[in-house]
Amino acid sequence: MPRRQATWPADDANAAPSAALDLDRAHPARIYNYLIGGKDHFAADREAAHALQRIVPESRDAMRLNRAFLARAVRRAAEAGISRFLDVGTGIPAPGHTHEVAVQIRPDTRVVYVDRDPLVVTHARALVAHPGVPATAVVKADVRDPDSVLDAPAVAELLGDGAPVALVLGAVLHFVDDADEPHAAVRRLLEPLPSGSMLIVSHVCHGSQWVDAADRARADQVAALYRETVDRLTPRDSGPIEAFFDGLELLPPGLVPCAAWDAEATVSELRATRGFLGGVGVKH
């Protein structure tokens, strides 16, 4: 049986996903997986994805361009010398996942993937746990409870040598309600990270210089659609999204549509990601 290359402390690696999982109800991670061309989704997820595309025809492009932004940001972190990555709310692995991008630049890359959904965690363990994968671990924990992330043995080991870490929060914070204090959660996750660490964020936005009233109305429709899935969607204005970088140096070009971050975006790419912002910050 394939095994993880890393010999890291386990969390609940042998635990089975809950028998109560409802595969007839769409899951945001599987919707995303379907739209970026993955293979880990069910009929309910595809139906929800098609409904999303009827509201926002460019949603498939937006998610793929978000994926490309995350790859560029991870590459930037690796080029800056970072070889430790904490990818929280990782979703189901697909081609171009964090470890695949980073190891091209840093062969000593180590990655801990974190997700709260037991089915996603099971998928992730199966897909990254085989010979030839750089040192990886998959942890079941919730960004809403940052101490549960930091207390996981694999995460504690990742942070243990004091090397800079890239904290990746790709398309996850918009699934955290304001009542769950997402800004406090991000501050707590950043707290133990040493100087030189980076924060990578992408987030659905319904209020910025790039969107108009019609876009905001569509964002409300999308949020309503996601209320029928297992996770609510909370789009935010650009100000609260930029606030996740408080205390950090926000790298150029700042918080911008994902397609425009460190890339020459076409007009259609900018349009597709006008409501999907990305940014990278450095902790000093």
C-alpha atoms as a PDB file:
ATOM      1  CA  MET A   1       0.000   0.000   0.000  1.00  0.00           C
ATOM      2  CA  PRO A   2       1.377   3.476  -0.876  1.00  0.00           C
ATOM      3  CA  ARG A   3       2.637   5.412   2.117  1.00  0.00           C
ATOM      4  CA  ARG A   4       3.517   9.004   2.797  1.00  0.00           C
ATOM      5  CA  GLN A   5       7.160   9.758   2.257  1.00  0.00           C
ATOM      6  CA  ALA A   6       7.205  11.996   5.314  1.00  0.00           C
ATOM      7  CA  THR A   7       7.627  10.358   8.720  1.00  0.00           C
ATOM      8  CA  TRP A   8       5.719  13.036  10.575  1.00  0.00           C
ATOM      9  CA  PRO A   9       3.516  12.623  13.646  1.00  0.00           C
ATOM     10  CA  ALA A  10       0.024  11.519  12.698  1.00  0.00           C
ATOM     11  CA  ASP A  11      -3.187  13.165  13.805  1.00  0.00           C
ATOM     12  CA  ASP A  12      -6.230  11.019  13.016  1.00  0.00           C
ATOM     13  CA  ALA A  13      -4.756   9.402   9.923  1.00  0.00           C
ATOM     14  CA  ASN A  14      -6.596   6.148  10.500  1.00  0.00           C
ATOM     15  CA  ALA A  15      -9.973   7.693  11.166  1.00  0.00           C
ATOM     16  CA  ALA A  16     -12.689   6.988   8.619  1.00  0.00           C
ATOM     17  CA  PRO A  17     -14.810   9.802   7.218  1.00  0.00           C
ATOM     18  CA  SER A  18     -18.151  10.232   8.906  1.00  0.00           C
ATOM     19  CA  ALA A  19     -20.846   7.845   7.791  1.00  0.00           C
ATOM     20  CA  ALA A  20     -23.208  10.823   7.890  1.00  0.00           C
ATOM     21  CA  LEU A  21     -21.564  12.507   4.900  1.00  0.00           C
ATOM     22  CA  ASP A  22     -24.244  13.506   2.422  1.00  0.00           C
ATOM     23  CA  LEU A  23     -23.001  12.963  -1.117  1.00  0.00           C
ATOM     24  CA  ASP A  24     -26.350  14.187  -2.481  1.00  0.00           C
ATOM     25  CA  ARG A  25     -25.581  17.687  -1.229  1.00  0.00           C
ATOM     26  CA  ALA A  26     -23.070  19.809  -3.125  1.00  0.00           C
ATOM     27  CA  HIS A  27     -19.756  20.580  -1.458  1.00  0.00           C
ATOM     28  CA  PRO A  28     -17.769  23.754  -2.304  1.00  0.00           C
ATOM     29  CA  ALA A  29     -14.480  21.847  -2.493  1.00  0.00           C
ATOM     30  CA  ARG A  30     -15.940  19.398  -5.007  1.00  0.00           C
ATOM     31  CA  ILE A  31     -17.625  22.197  -7.010  1.00  0.00           C
ATOM     32  CA  TYR A  32     -14.241  23.884  -7.229  1.00  0.00           C
ATOM     33  CA  ASN A  33     -12.563  20.601  -8.145  1.00  0.00           C
ATOM     34  CA  TYR A  34     -15.026  20.078 -10.983  1.00  0.00           C
ATOM     35  CA  LEU A  35     -14.630  23.601 -12.357  1.00  0.00           C
ATOM     36  CA  ILE A  36     -10.816  23.451 -12.401  1.00  0.00           C
ATOM     37  CA  GLY A  37     -10.900  20.125 -14.233  1.00  0.00           C
ATOM     38  CA  GLY A  38     -10.478  17.697 -11.344  1.00  0.00           C
ATOM     39  CA  LYS A  39     -12.059  14.260 -11.097  1.00  0.00           C
ATOM     40  CA  ASP A  40     -13.263  14.167  -7.490  1.00  0.00           C
ATOM     41  CA  HIS A  41     -16.900  15.265  -7.583  1.00  0.00           C
ATOM     42  CA  PHE A  42     -20.420  13.891  -7.650  1.00  0.00           C
ATOM     43  CA  ALA A  43     -23.638  14.653  -9.518  1.00  0.00           C
ATOM     44  CA  ALA A  44     -24.826  17.173  -6.905  1.00  0.00           C
ATOM     45  CA  ASP A  45     -21.551  19.077  -7.218  1.00  0.00           C
ATOM     46  CA  ARG A  46     -21.755  19.199 -11.001  1.00  0.00           C
ATOM     47  CA  GLU A  47     -25.358  20.405 -10.840  1.00  0.00           C
ATOM     48  CA  ALA A  48     -24.364  23.182  -8.443  1.00  0.00           C
ATOM     49  CA  ALA A  49     -21.416  24.101 -10.668  1.00  0.00           C
ATOM     50  CA  HIS A  50     -23.700  24.387 -13.672  1.00  0.00           C
ATOM     51  CA  ALA A  51     -26.096  26.578 -11.663  1.00  0.00           C
ATOM     52  CA  LEU A  52     -23.132  28.758 -10.689  1.00  0.00           C
ATOM     53  CA  GLN A  53     -22.125  29.086 -14.332  1.00  0.00           C
ATOM     54  CA  ARG A  54     -25.635  30.203 -15.238  1.00  0.00           C
ATOM     55  CA  ILE A  55     -25.277  33.056 -12.741  1.00  0.00           C
ATOM     56  CA  VAL A  56     -21.632  33.817 -13.505  1.00  0.00           C
ATOM     57  CA  PRO A  57     -20.705  32.411 -16.926  1.00  0.00           C
ATOM     58  CA  GLU A  58     -17.008  33.100 -16.349  1.00  0.00           C
ATOM     59  CA  SER A  59     -16.889  31.225 -13.012  1.00  0.00           C
ATOM     60  CA  ARG A  60     -14.907  28.306 -14.465  1.00  0.00           C
ATOM     61  CA  ASP A  61     -12.290  30.742 -15.771  1.00  0.00           C
ATOM     62  CA  ALA A  62     -12.269  32.584 -12.440  1.00  0.00           C
ATOM     63  CA  MET A  63     -11.522  29.441 -10.475  1.00  0.00           C
ATOM     64  CA  ARG A  64      -8.828  28.297 -12.884  1.00  0.00           C
ATOM     65  CA  LEU A  65      -7.230  31.744 -12.797  1.00  0.00           C
ATOM     66  CA  ASN A  66      -7.388  31.680  -9.007  1.00  0.00           C
ATOM     67  CA  ARG A  67      -5.559  28.380  -9.170  1.00  0.00           C
ATOM     68  CA  ALA A  68      -2.934  29.940 -11.424  1.00  0.00           C
ATOM     69  CA  PHE A  69      -2.548  32.865  -8.991  1.00  0.00           C
ATOM     70  CA  LEU A  70      -1.931  30.466  -6.117  1.00  0.00           C
ATOM     71  CA  ALA A  71       0.735  28.682  -8.158  1.00  0.00           C
ATOM     72  CA  ARG A  72       2.488  31.979  -8.925  1.00  0.00           C
ATOM     73  CA  ALA A  73       2.322  33.040  -5.278  1.00  0.00           C
ATOM     74  CA  VAL A  74       3.706  29.710  -4.061  1.00  0.00           C
ATOM     75  CA  ARG A  75       6.458  29.987  -6.663  1.00  0.00           C
ATOM     76  CA  ARG A  76       7.268  33.514  -5.447  1.00  0.00           C
ATOM     77  CA  ALA A  77       7.515  32.221  -1.872  1.00  0.00           C
ATOM     78  CA  ALA A  78       9.800  29.359  -2.902  1.00  0.00           C
ATOM     79  CA  GLU A  79      11.987  31.726  -4.909  1.00  0.00           C
ATOM     80  CA  ALA A  80      12.271  33.873  -1.768  1.00  0.00           C
ATOM     81  CA  GLY A  81      13.771  30.867   0.012  1.00  0.00           C
ATOM     82  CA  ILE A  82      10.694  29.449   1.738  1.00  0.00           C
ATOM     83  CA  SER A  83      10.502  25.660   1.846  1.00  0.00           C
ATOM     84  CA  ARG A  84       7.761  25.280   4.489  1.00  0.00           C
ATOM     85  CA  PHE A  85       4.120  25.649   3.452  1.00  0.00           C
ATOM     86  CA  LEU A  86       0.986  25.500   5.592  1.00  0.00           C
ATOM     87  CA  ASP A  87      -1.987  25.225   3.221  1.00  0.00           C
ATOM     88  CA  VAL A  88      -5.201  25.673   5.223  1.00  0.00           C
ATOM     89  CA  GLY A  89      -8.579  24.952   3.669  1.00  0.00           C
ATOM     90  CA  THR A  90      -6.707  23.197   0.926  1.00  0.00           C
ATOM     91  CA  GLY A  91      -9.626  21.384  -0.700  1.00  0.00           C
ATOM     92  CA  ILE A  92      -9.199  18.308  -2.858  1.00  0.00           C
ATOM     93  CA  PRO A  93      -5.742  18.124  -4.463  1.00  0.00           C
ATOM     94  CA  ALA A  94      -5.600  18.700  -8.196  1.00  0.00           C
ATOM     95  CA  PRO A  95      -2.724  19.154 -10.637  1.00  0.00           C
ATOM     96  CA  GLY A  96      -0.578  22.121  -9.646  1.00  0.00           C
ATOM     97  CA  HIS A  97      -1.132  21.702  -5.909  1.00  0.00           C
ATOM     98  CA  THR A  98       1.213  23.506  -3.503  1.00  0.00           C
ATOM     99  CA  HIS A  99       3.828  20.785  -3.130  1.00  0.00           C
ATOM    100  CA  GLU A 100       4.021  20.214  -6.890  1.00  0.00           C
ATOM    101  CA  VAL A 101       4.763  23.885  -7.548  1.00  0.00           C
ATOM    102  CA  ALA A 102       7.154  24.493  -4.668  1.00  0.00           C
ATOM    103  CA  VAL A 103       9.299  21.387  -5.135  1.00  0.00           C
ATOM    104  CA  GLN A 104      10.284  22.527  -8.618  1.00  0.00           C
ATOM    105  CA  ILE A 105      12.208  25.348  -6.936  1.00  0.00           C
ATOM    106  CA  ARG A 106      12.891  23.938  -3.479  1.00  0.00           C
ATOM    107  CA  PRO A 107      13.443  20.155  -3.505  1.00  0.00           C
ATOM    108  CA  ASP A 108      13.454  20.269   0.313  1.00  0.00           C
ATOM    109  CA  THR A 109       9.853  21.493   0.342  1.00  0.00           C
ATOM    110  CA  ARG A 110       7.632  20.327   3.191  1.00  0.00           C
ATOM    111  CA  VAL A 111       3.902  20.940   3.130  1.00  0.00           C
ATOM    112  CA  VAL A 112       1.117  20.429   5.635  1.00  0.00           C
ATOM    113  CA  TYR A 113      -2.356  20.479   4.095  1.00  0.00           C
ATOM    114  CA  VAL A 114      -5.270  21.267   6.408  1.00  0.00           C
ATOM    115  CA  ASP A 115      -8.998  20.919   5.858  1.00  0.00           C
ATOM    116  CA  ARG A 116     -11.950  20.473   8.173  1.00  0.00           C
ATOM    117  CA  ASP A 117     -14.037  18.224   5.941  1.00  0.00           C
ATOM    118  CA  PRO A 118     -13.397  14.511   6.560  1.00  0.00           C
ATOM    119  CA  LEU A 119     -14.121  13.528   2.973  1.00  0.00           C
ATOM    120  CA  VAL A 120     -11.729  16.177   1.634  1.00  0.00           C
ATOM    121  CA  VAL A 121      -9.066  15.002   4.079  1.00  0.00           C
ATOM    122  CA  THR A 122      -9.535  11.403   2.984  1.00  0.00           C
ATOM    123  CA  HIS A 123      -9.216  12.414  -0.671  1.00  0.00           C
ATOM    124  CA  ALA A 124      -6.152  14.515   0.078  1.00  0.00           C
ATOM    125  CA  ARG A 125      -4.387  11.727   1.932  1.00  0.00           C
ATOM    126  CA  ALA A 126      -5.053   9.288  -0.866  1.00  0.00           C
ATOM    127  CA  LEU A 127      -3.886  11.669  -3.576  1.00  0.00           C
ATOM    128  CA  VAL A 128      -0.679  12.986  -2.007  1.00  0.00           C
ATOM    129  CA  ALA A 129       0.400   9.913  -0.061  1.00  0.00           C
ATOM    130  CA  HIS A 130       2.506   7.966  -2.511  1.00  0.00           C
ATOM    131  CA  PRO A 131       6.190   7.497  -3.300  1.00  0.00           C
ATOM    132  CA  GLY A 132       7.796  10.393  -5.090  1.00  0.00           C
ATOM    133  CA  VAL A 133       5.687  13.046  -3.349  1.00  0.00           C
ATOM    134  CA  PRO A 134       7.852  15.445  -1.321  1.00  0.00           C
ATOM    135  CA  ALA A 135       7.371  15.451   2.427  1.00  0.00           C
ATOM    136  CA  THR A 136       3.680  16.118   3.017  1.00  0.00           C
ATOM    137  CA  ALA A 137       1.134  15.630   5.757  1.00  0.00           C
ATOM    138  CA  VAL A 138      -2.641  16.097   5.771  1.00  0.00           C
ATOM    139  CA  VAL A 139      -4.381  17.290   8.934  1.00  0.00           C
ATOM    140  CA  LYS A 140      -8.069  17.474   9.796  1.00  0.00           C
ATOM    141  CA  ALA A 141      -8.594  20.833  11.496  1.00  0.00           C
ATOM    142  CA  ASP A 142     -10.666  23.984  11.044  1.00  0.00           C
ATOM    143  CA  VAL A 143      -9.445  27.495  10.217  1.00  0.00           C
ATOM    144  CA  ARG A 144     -12.263  28.732  12.474  1.00  0.00           C
ATOM    145  CA  ASP A 145     -10.325  27.172  15.353  1.00  0.00           C
ATOM    146  CA  PRO A 146      -6.734  28.193  14.592  1.00  0.00           C
ATOM    147  CA  ASP A 147      -5.389  26.539  17.740  1.00  0.00           C
ATOM    148  CA  SER A 148      -6.651  23.200  16.406  1.00  0.00           C
ATOM    149  CA  VAL A 149      -4.456  23.828  13.368  1.00  0.00           C
ATOM    150  CA  LEU A 150      -1.390  24.946  15.304  1.00  0.00           C
ATOM    151  CA  ASP A 151      -1.695  22.139  17.864  1.00  0.00           C
ATOM    152  CA  ALA A 152      -1.675  19.380  15.223  1.00  0.00           C
ATOM    153  CA  PRO A 153       1.614  17.437  15.568  1.00  0.00           C
ATOM    154  CA  ALA A 154       2.483  17.769  11.877  1.00  0.00           C
ATOM    155  CA  VAL A 155       1.983  21.544  12.007  1.00  0.00           C
ATOM    156  CA  ALA A 156       3.981  21.848  15.222  1.00  0.00           C
ATOM    157  CA  GLU A 157       6.832  19.988  13.564  1.00  0.00           C
ATOM    158  CA  LEU A 158       6.620  22.150  10.441  1.00  0.00           C
ATOM    159  CA  LEU A 159       7.020  25.260  12.596  1.00  0.00           C
ATOM    160  CA  GLY A 160       9.494  23.695  14.983  1.00  0.00           C
ATOM    161  CA  ASP A 161      12.771  24.587  13.274  1.00  0.00           C
ATOM    162  CA  GLY A 162      11.997  28.311  13.098  1.00  0.00           C
ATOM    163  CA  ALA A 163      12.238  28.511   9.293  1.00  0.00           C
ATOM    164  CA  PRO A 164       9.949  30.958   7.462  1.00  0.00           C
ATOM    165  CA  VAL A 165       6.581  29.513   6.442  1.00  0.00           C
ATOM    166  CA  ALA A 166       4.157  30.416   3.686  1.00  0.00           C
ATOM    167  CA  LEU A 167       0.611  30.344   5.045  1.00  0.00           C
ATOM    168  CA  VAL A 168      -1.687  29.614   2.101  1.00  0.00           C
ATOM    169  CA  LEU A 169      -5.357  30.565   2.487  1.00  0.00           C
ATOM    170  CA  GLY A 170      -6.613  30.100  -1.044  1.00  0.00           C
ATOM    171  CA  ALA A 171     -10.347  30.615  -1.586  1.00  0.00           C
ATOM    172  CA  VAL A 172     -11.188  29.577   1.977  1.00  0.00           C
ATOM    173  CA  LEU A 173     -11.751  32.710   4.060  1.00  0.00           C
ATOM    174  CA  HIS A 174     -14.938  33.579   2.167  1.00  0.00           C
ATOM    175  CA  PHE A 175     -16.391  30.405   3.704  1.00  0.00           C
ATOM    176  CA  VAL A 176     -15.840  31.808   7.213  1.00  0.00           C
ATOM    177  CA  ASP A 177     -18.700  33.946   8.533  1.00  0.00           C
ATOM    178  CA  ASP A 178     -17.908  37.244  10.220  1.00  0.00           C
ATOM    179  CA  ALA A 179     -19.321  35.767  13.427  1.00  0.00           C
ATOM    180  CA  ASP A 180     -16.474  33.249  13.381  1.00  0.00           C
ATOM    181  CA  GLU A 181     -13.923  36.109  13.405  1.00  0.00           C
ATOM    182  CA  PRO A 182     -11.823  35.254  10.348  1.00  0.00           C
ATOM    183  CA  HIS A 183      -9.430  38.172  10.903  1.00  0.00           C
ATOM    184  CA  ALA A 184      -8.655  36.976  14.420  1.00  0.00           C
ATOM    185  CA  ALA A 185      -8.128  33.461  13.079  1.00  0.00           C
ATOM    186  CA  VAL A 186      -5.600  34.683  10.503  1.00  0.00           C
ATOM    187  CA  ARG A 187      -3.754  36.743  13.121  1.00  0.00           C
ATOM    188  CA  ARG A 188      -3.518  33.678  15.356  1.00  0.00           C
ATOM    189  CA  LEU A 189      -2.162  31.515  12.531  1.00  0.00           C
ATOM    190  CA  LEU A 190       0.431  34.173  11.701  1.00  0.00           C
ATOM    191  CA  GLU A 191       1.460  34.723  15.304  1.00  0.00           C
ATOM    192  CA  PRO A 192       3.998  31.863  15.636  1.00  0.00           C
ATOM    193  CA  LEU A 193       5.411  32.283  12.143  1.00  0.00           C
ATOM    194  CA  PRO A 194       8.918  33.797  12.081  1.00  0.00           C
ATOM    195  CA  SER A 195      10.094  36.884  10.251  1.00  0.00           C
ATOM    196  CA  GLY A 196      10.264  36.313   6.511  1.00  0.00           C
ATOM    197  CA  SER A 197       7.108  34.232   6.459  1.00  0.00           C
ATOM    198  CA  MET A 198       4.412  34.976   3.890  1.00  0.00           C
ATOM    199  CA  LEU A 199       0.618  35.078   3.781  1.00  0.00           C
ATOM    200  CA  ILE A 200      -1.088  34.116   0.514  1.00  0.00           C
ATOM    201  CA  VAL A 201      -4.812  34.909   0.269  1.00  0.00           C
ATOM    202  CA  SER A 202      -7.433  34.740  -2.450  1.00  0.00           C
ATOM    203  CA  HIS A 203     -10.997  35.766  -1.669  1.00  0.00           C
ATOM    204  CA  VAL A 204     -14.341  36.410  -3.392  1.00  0.00           C
ATOM    205  CA  CYS A 205     -15.044  40.158  -3.420  1.00  0.00           C
ATOM    206  CA  HIS A 206     -18.325  41.959  -4.080  1.00  0.00           C
ATOM    207  CA  GLY A 207     -17.195  45.511  -3.441  1.00  0.00           C
ATOM    208  CA  SER A 208     -14.128  47.094  -5.046  1.00  0.00           C
ATOM    209  CA  GLN A 209     -13.048  49.397  -7.848  1.00  0.00           C
ATOM    210  CA  TRP A 210     -13.331  46.464 -10.253  1.00  0.00           C
ATOM    211  CA  VAL A 211     -16.976  45.498  -9.642  1.00  0.00           C
ATOM    212  CA  ASP A 212     -20.257  47.296 -10.230  1.00  0.00           C
ATOM    213  CA  ALA A 213     -23.822  47.027  -8.951  1.00  0.00           C
ATOM    214  CA  ALA A 214     -24.665  44.210 -11.356  1.00  0.00           C
ATOM    215  CA  ASP A 215     -21.641  42.249 -10.143  1.00  0.00           C
ATOM    216  CA  ARG A 216     -22.728  42.748  -6.550  1.00  0.00           C
ATOM    217  CA  ALA A 217     -26.200  41.474  -7.365  1.00  0.00           C
ATOM    218  CA  ARG A 218     -24.681  38.384  -8.955  1.00  0.00           C
ATOM    219  CA  ALA A 219     -22.504  37.870  -5.880  1.00  0.00           C
ATOM    220  CA  ASP A 220     -25.657  37.874  -3.751  1.00  0.00           C
ATOM    221  CA  GLN A 221     -27.167  35.228  -6.052  1.00  0.00           C
ATOM    222  CA  VAL A 222     -24.015  33.121  -5.746  1.00  0.00           C
ATOM    223  CA  ALA A 223     -24.102  33.431  -1.963  1.00  0.00           C
ATOM    224  CA  ALA A 224     -27.717  32.233  -2.031  1.00  0.00           C
ATOM    225  CA  LEU A 225     -26.700  29.266  -4.188  1.00  0.00           C
ATOM    226  CA  TYR A 226     -23.963  28.286  -1.736  1.00  0.00           C
ATOM    227  CA  ARG A 227     -26.419  28.354   1.145  1.00  0.00           C
ATOM    228  CA  GLU A 228     -27.755  25.125  -0.373  1.00  0.00           C
ATOM    229  CA  THR A 229     -24.294  23.506  -0.066  1.00  0.00           C
ATOM    230  CA  VAL A 230     -22.505  22.394   3.082  1.00  0.00           C
ATOM    231  CA  ASP A 231     -20.713  25.767   3.489  1.00  0.00           C
ATOM    232  CA  ARG A 232     -22.066  29.316   3.331  1.00  0.00           C
ATOM    233  CA  LEU A 233     -20.281  31.853   1.145  1.00  0.00           C
ATOM    234  CA  THR A 234     -19.428  35.271   2.574  1.00  0.00           C
ATOM    235  CA  PRO A 235     -18.142  37.639  -0.133  1.00  0.00           C
ATOM    236  CA  ARG A 236     -16.432  40.728   1.307  1.00  0.00           C
ATOM    237  CA  ASP A 237     -15.507  44.205   0.153  1.00  0.00           C
ATOM    238  CA  SER A 238     -11.868  44.824  -0.699  1.00  0.00           C
ATOM    239  CA  GLY A 239     -11.233  46.694   2.572  1.00  0.00           C
ATOM    240  CA  PRO A 240     -11.949  43.754   4.881  1.00  0.00           C
ATOM    241  CA  ILE A 241      -9.998  41.461   2.555  1.00  0.00           C
ATOM    242  CA  GLU A 242      -6.966  43.747   2.648  1.00  0.00           C
ATOM    243  CA  ALA A 243      -7.297  43.804   6.449  1.00  0.00           C
ATOM    244  CA  PHE A 244      -6.139  40.183   6.521  1.00  0.00           C
ATOM    245  CA  PHE A 245      -2.702  41.627   5.682  1.00  0.00           C
ATOM    246  CA  ASP A 246      -2.648  44.129   8.569  1.00  0.00           C
ATOM    247  CA  GLY A 247       0.845  44.265  10.029  1.00  0.00           C
ATOM    248  CA  LEU A 248       2.405  42.697   6.937  1.00  0.00           C
ATOM    249  CA  GLU A 249       4.130  44.187   3.923  1.00  0.00           C
ATOM    250  CA  LEU A 250       1.704  43.711   1.039  1.00  0.00           C
ATOM    251  CA  LEU A 251       3.841  42.852  -1.974  1.00  0.00           C
ATOM    252  CA  PRO A 252       3.310  44.607  -5.320  1.00  0.00           C
ATOM    253  CA  PRO A 253       0.942  44.788  -7.088  1.00  0.00           C
ATOM    254  CA  GLY A 254      -1.098  44.649  -3.885  1.00  0.00           C
ATOM    255  CA  LEU A 255      -4.584  43.187  -3.583  1.00  0.00           C
ATOM    256  CA  VAL A 256      -5.799  42.841  -7.159  1.00  0.00           C
ATOM    257  CA  PRO A 257      -7.895  40.535  -9.355  1.00  0.00           C
ATOM    258  CA  CYS A 258      -6.146  37.164  -9.229  1.00  0.00           C
ATOM    259  CA  ALA A 259      -5.335  37.173 -12.932  1.00  0.00           C
ATOM    260  CA  ALA A 260      -3.413  40.450 -12.546  1.00  0.00           C
ATOM    261  CA  TRP A 261      -1.155  39.370  -9.678  1.00  0.00           C
ATOM    262  CA  ASP A 262       2.398  39.039 -11.034  1.00  0.00           C
ATOM    263  CA  ALA A 263       1.041  38.384 -14.527  1.00  0.00           C
ATOM    264  CA  GLU A 264       0.068  40.171 -17.731  1.00  0.00           C
ATOM    265  CA  ALA A 265      -3.678  39.587 -17.740  1.00  0.00           C
ATOM    266  CA  THR A 266      -5.910  39.884 -20.764  1.00  0.00           C
ATOM    267  CA  VAL A 267      -9.112  41.878 -20.653  1.00  0.00           C
ATOM    268  CA  SER A 268     -11.157  38.665 -20.463  1.00  0.00           C
ATOM    269  CA  GLU A 269      -8.992  37.335 -17.620  1.00  0.00           C
ATOM    270  CA  LEU A 270      -9.380  40.560 -15.673  1.00  0.00           C
ATOM    271  CA  ARG A 271     -13.119  40.432 -16.227  1.00  0.00           C
ATOM    272  CA  ALA A 272     -13.290  36.819 -15.046  1.00  0.00           C
ATOM    273  CA  THR A 273     -11.470  37.611 -11.792  1.00  0.00           C
ATOM    274  CA  ARG A 274     -12.822  41.089 -11.082  1.00  0.00           C
ATOM    275  CA  GLY A 275     -14.661  39.587  -8.116  1.00  0.00           C
ATOM    276  CA  PHE A 276     -11.850  37.229  -7.031  1.00  0.00           C
ATOM    277  CA  LEU A 277      -8.951  39.099  -5.434  1.00  0.00           C
ATOM    278  CA  GLY A 278      -5.518  37.835  -4.510  1.00  0.00           C
ATOM    279  CA  GLY A 279      -2.579  39.174  -2.560  1.00  0.00           C
ATOM    280  CA  VAL A 280       0.661  38.189  -0.812  1.00  0.00           C
ATOM    281  CA  GLY A 281       2.128  39.731   2.322  1.00  0.00           C
ATOM    282  CA  VAL A 282       5.447  39.341   4.142  1.00  0.00           C
ATOM    283  CA  LYS A 283       5.875  39.263   7.897  1.00  0.00           C
ATOM    284  CA  HIS A 284       8.812  41.320   9.181  1.00  0.00           C
END
